[in-house]
C-alpha atoms as a PDB file:
ATOM      1  CA  MET A   1     -25.579  13.581   9.773  1.00  0.00           C
ATOM      2  CA  ASN A   2     -22.443  15.044   9.867  1.00  0.00           C
ATOM      3  CA  TYR A   3     -19.242  12.944  10.959  1.00  0.00           C
ATOM      4  CA  ALA A   4     -15.485  13.365  10.713  1.00  0.00           C
ATOM      5  CA  ALA A   5     -13.214  10.293   9.675  1.00  0.00           C
ATOM      6  CA  PHE A   6      -9.838   9.502  10.422  1.00  0.00           C
ATOM      7  CA  ILE A   7      -7.460   7.123   8.289  1.00  0.00           C
ATOM      8  CA  ILE A   8      -4.394   5.524  10.155  1.00  0.00           C
ATOM      9  CA  THR A   9      -1.658   5.298   7.534  1.00  0.00           C
ATOM     10  CA  TYR A  10       2.001   3.757   7.373  1.00  0.00           C
ATOM     11  CA  LYS A  11       4.431   4.085   4.312  1.00  0.00           C
ATOM     12  CA  ARG A  12       1.746   3.494   1.971  1.00  0.00           C
ATOM     13  CA  PRO A  13       0.871   6.870  -0.004  1.00  0.00           C
ATOM     14  CA  ASP A  14      -0.452   5.156  -3.141  1.00  0.00           C
ATOM     15  CA  ILE A  15      -3.067   3.079  -0.968  1.00  0.00           C
ATOM     16  CA  LEU A  16      -3.864   6.154   1.009  1.00  0.00           C
ATOM     17  CA  LYS A  17      -4.826   8.012  -1.876  1.00  0.00           C
ATOM     18  CA  ASN A  18      -7.372   5.398  -3.064  1.00  0.00           C
ATOM     19  CA  THR A  19      -9.011   5.270   0.449  1.00  0.00           C
ATOM     20  CA  ILE A  20      -9.426   9.444   0.182  1.00  0.00           C
ATOM     21  CA  ASP A  21     -10.931   8.848  -3.035  1.00  0.00           C
ATOM     22  CA  ALA A  22     -13.319   6.151  -1.810  1.00  0.00           C
ATOM     23  CA  LEU A  23     -14.023   8.354   1.497  1.00  0.00           C
ATOM     24  CA  LEU A  24     -14.774  11.390  -1.067  1.00  0.00           C
ATOM     25  CA  SER A  25     -16.851   9.530  -3.275  1.00  0.00           C
ATOM     26  CA  GLN A  26     -19.475   8.290  -0.953  1.00  0.00           C
ATOM     27  CA  THR A  27     -23.141   9.727  -1.176  1.00  0.00           C
ATOM     28  CA  LYS A  28     -22.655  11.004   2.378  1.00  0.00           C
ATOM     29  CA  PRO A  29     -18.901  12.143   3.010  1.00  0.00           C
ATOM     30  CA  PRO A  30     -17.384  13.152   5.808  1.00  0.00           C
ATOM     31  CA  ILE A  31     -17.414  16.342   6.784  1.00  0.00           C
ATOM     32  CA  LYS A  32     -13.351  16.267   7.954  1.00  0.00           C
ATOM     33  CA  ILE A  33     -10.781  13.739   7.193  1.00  0.00           C
ATOM     34  CA  LEU A  34      -7.871  13.639   9.698  1.00  0.00           C
ATOM     35  CA  ILE A  35      -4.832  11.130   8.492  1.00  0.00           C
ATOM     36  CA  VAL A  36      -3.202   9.848  11.495  1.00  0.00           C
ATOM     37  CA  ASP A  37       0.713   8.995  10.083  1.00  0.00           C
ATOM     38  CA  ASN A  38       2.433   6.240  11.722  1.00  0.00           C
ATOM     39  CA  ASP A  39       5.802   7.003   8.989  1.00  0.00           C
ATOM     40  CA  ILE A  40       8.416   9.230  11.444  1.00  0.00           C
ATOM     41  CA  ASP A  41       9.356  10.303   7.735  1.00  0.00           C
ATOM     42  CA  GLU A  42       5.855  11.615   7.218  1.00  0.00           C
ATOM     43  CA  SER A  43       5.370  10.013   4.056  1.00  0.00           C
ATOM     44  CA  ALA A  44       1.526  10.796   4.019  1.00  0.00           C
ATOM     45  CA  ARG A  45       1.879  14.478   3.694  1.00  0.00           C
ATOM     46  CA  SER A  46       2.391  14.421  -0.104  1.00  0.00           C
ATOM     47  CA  VAL A  47      -0.948  12.487  -0.695  1.00  0.00           C
ATOM     48  CA  PHE A  48      -3.602  15.172   0.046  1.00  0.00           C
ATOM     49  CA  ASP A  49      -3.934  19.035  -0.498  1.00  0.00           C
ATOM     50  CA  ILE A  50      -4.676  20.218   3.637  1.00  0.00           C
ATOM     51  CA  ASN A  51      -6.457  22.942   2.222  1.00  0.00           C
ATOM     52  CA  LYS A  52      -8.666  21.361  -0.102  1.00  0.00           C
ATOM     53  CA  ASP A  53     -12.164  22.460   1.268  1.00  0.00           C
ATOM     54  CA  GLY A  54     -10.711  22.956   4.537  1.00  0.00           C
ATOM     55  CA  ILE A  55     -11.785  18.735   4.835  1.00  0.00           C
ATOM     56  CA  PHE A  56      -7.994  17.540   5.370  1.00  0.00           C
ATOM     57  CA  SER A  57      -6.399  17.761   8.824  1.00  0.00           C
ATOM     58  CA  TYR A  58      -2.803  15.793   9.544  1.00  0.00           C
ATOM     59  CA  PHE A  59      -1.327  14.382  12.853  1.00  0.00           C
ATOM     60  CA  SER A  60       2.080  12.328  12.744  1.00  0.00           C
ATOM     61  CA  THR A  61       2.346  10.188  15.550  1.00  0.00           C
ATOM     62  CA  GLY A  62       5.981  10.870  15.841  1.00  0.00           C
ATOM     63  CA  SER A  63       6.548   6.753  15.514  1.00  0.00           C
ATOM     64  CA  ASN A  64       5.372   3.661  14.418  1.00  0.00           C
ATOM     65  CA  SER A  65       2.463   3.490  17.104  1.00  0.00           C
ATOM     66  CA  GLY A  66       0.724   0.671  15.142  1.00  0.00           C
ATOM     67  CA  PRO A  67      -3.240   0.391  15.013  1.00  0.00           C
ATOM     68  CA  ALA A  68      -3.629   0.661  18.686  1.00  0.00           C
ATOM     69  CA  GLY A  69      -1.978   3.705  18.738  1.00  0.00           C
ATOM     70  CA  GLY A  70      -3.172   5.508  15.657  1.00  0.00           C
ATOM     71  CA  ALA A  71      -6.646   4.722  16.668  1.00  0.00           C
ATOM     72  CA  TYR A  72      -5.910   6.364  20.180  1.00  0.00           C
ATOM     73  CA  TRP A  73      -4.770   9.342  18.422  1.00  0.00           C
ATOM     74  CA  GLY A  74      -7.411   9.705  15.622  1.00  0.00           C
ATOM     75  CA  LEU A  75     -10.328   9.224  18.401  1.00  0.00           C
ATOM     76  CA  LYS A  76      -8.352  11.616  21.069  1.00  0.00           C
ATOM     77  CA  ILE A  77      -7.946  14.471  18.423  1.00  0.00           C
ATOM     78  CA  LEU A  78     -11.804  14.177  16.844  1.00  0.00           C
ATOM     79  CA  PHE A  79     -13.625  13.534  20.272  1.00  0.00           C
ATOM     80  CA  GLU A  80     -11.889  16.883  21.529  1.00  0.00           C
ATOM     81  CA  GLU A  81     -12.986  18.486  18.996  1.00  0.00           C
ATOM     82  CA  SER A  82     -16.532  17.554  19.749  1.00  0.00           C
ATOM     83  CA  TRP A  83     -17.302  15.414  17.212  1.00  0.00           C
ATOM     84  CA  GLU A  84     -20.182  13.220  18.095  1.00  0.00           C
ATOM     85  CA  TRP A  85     -19.810  10.686  15.045  1.00  0.00           C
ATOM     86  CA  VAL A  86     -16.719   9.330  13.938  1.00  0.00           C
ATOM     87  CA  LEU A  87     -15.545   6.937  11.182  1.00  0.00           C
ATOM     88  CA  TRP A  88     -12.159   5.225  11.667  1.00  0.00           C
ATOM     89  CA  VAL A  89     -10.532   3.610   8.732  1.00  0.00           C
ATOM     90  CA  ASP A  90      -7.336   1.893   7.641  1.00  0.00           C
ATOM     91  CA  ASP A  91      -5.245   2.897   4.963  1.00  0.00           C
ATOM     92  CA  ASP A  92      -5.462  -0.375   3.198  1.00  0.00           C
ATOM     93  CA  ILE A  93      -9.602  -1.154   3.056  1.00  0.00           C
ATOM     94  CA  ILE A  94     -10.573  -2.756  -0.070  1.00  0.00           C
ATOM     95  CA  GLN A  95     -14.100  -1.065   0.048  1.00  0.00           C
ATOM     96  CA  ILE A  96     -16.114   1.758   1.796  1.00  0.00           C
ATOM     97  CA  ARG A  97     -19.481   1.712   2.251  1.00  0.00           C
ATOM     98  CA  ILE A  98     -21.232   4.265   4.658  1.00  0.00           C
ATOM     99  CA  TYR A  99     -25.218   4.626   4.811  1.00  0.00           C
ATOM    100  CA  ALA A 100     -26.770   7.217   5.852  1.00  0.00           C
ATOM    101  CA  TYR A 101     -30.532   8.012   6.138  1.00  0.00           C
END
């Protein structure tokens, strides 16, 4: 199963980096990771290499739209790209486990 993930973030670049590392270390990591940045200053841009294996993309909401607004954009963008499976992640998670069969 191939899937995409999006991470909602707001002014926590160090925590975002740890979340990205956790996602990429899974036995079945996502094919694509969309960063949904709620920070008008776009602090998340510095955390990842958008060209790394073509896995990352970035979207700035242009304001602090909160978790609901970030989720709206993450789901909208990835479903418009025709992803059937999408993982929704907040940047301040403690642990991620994705199981694939």
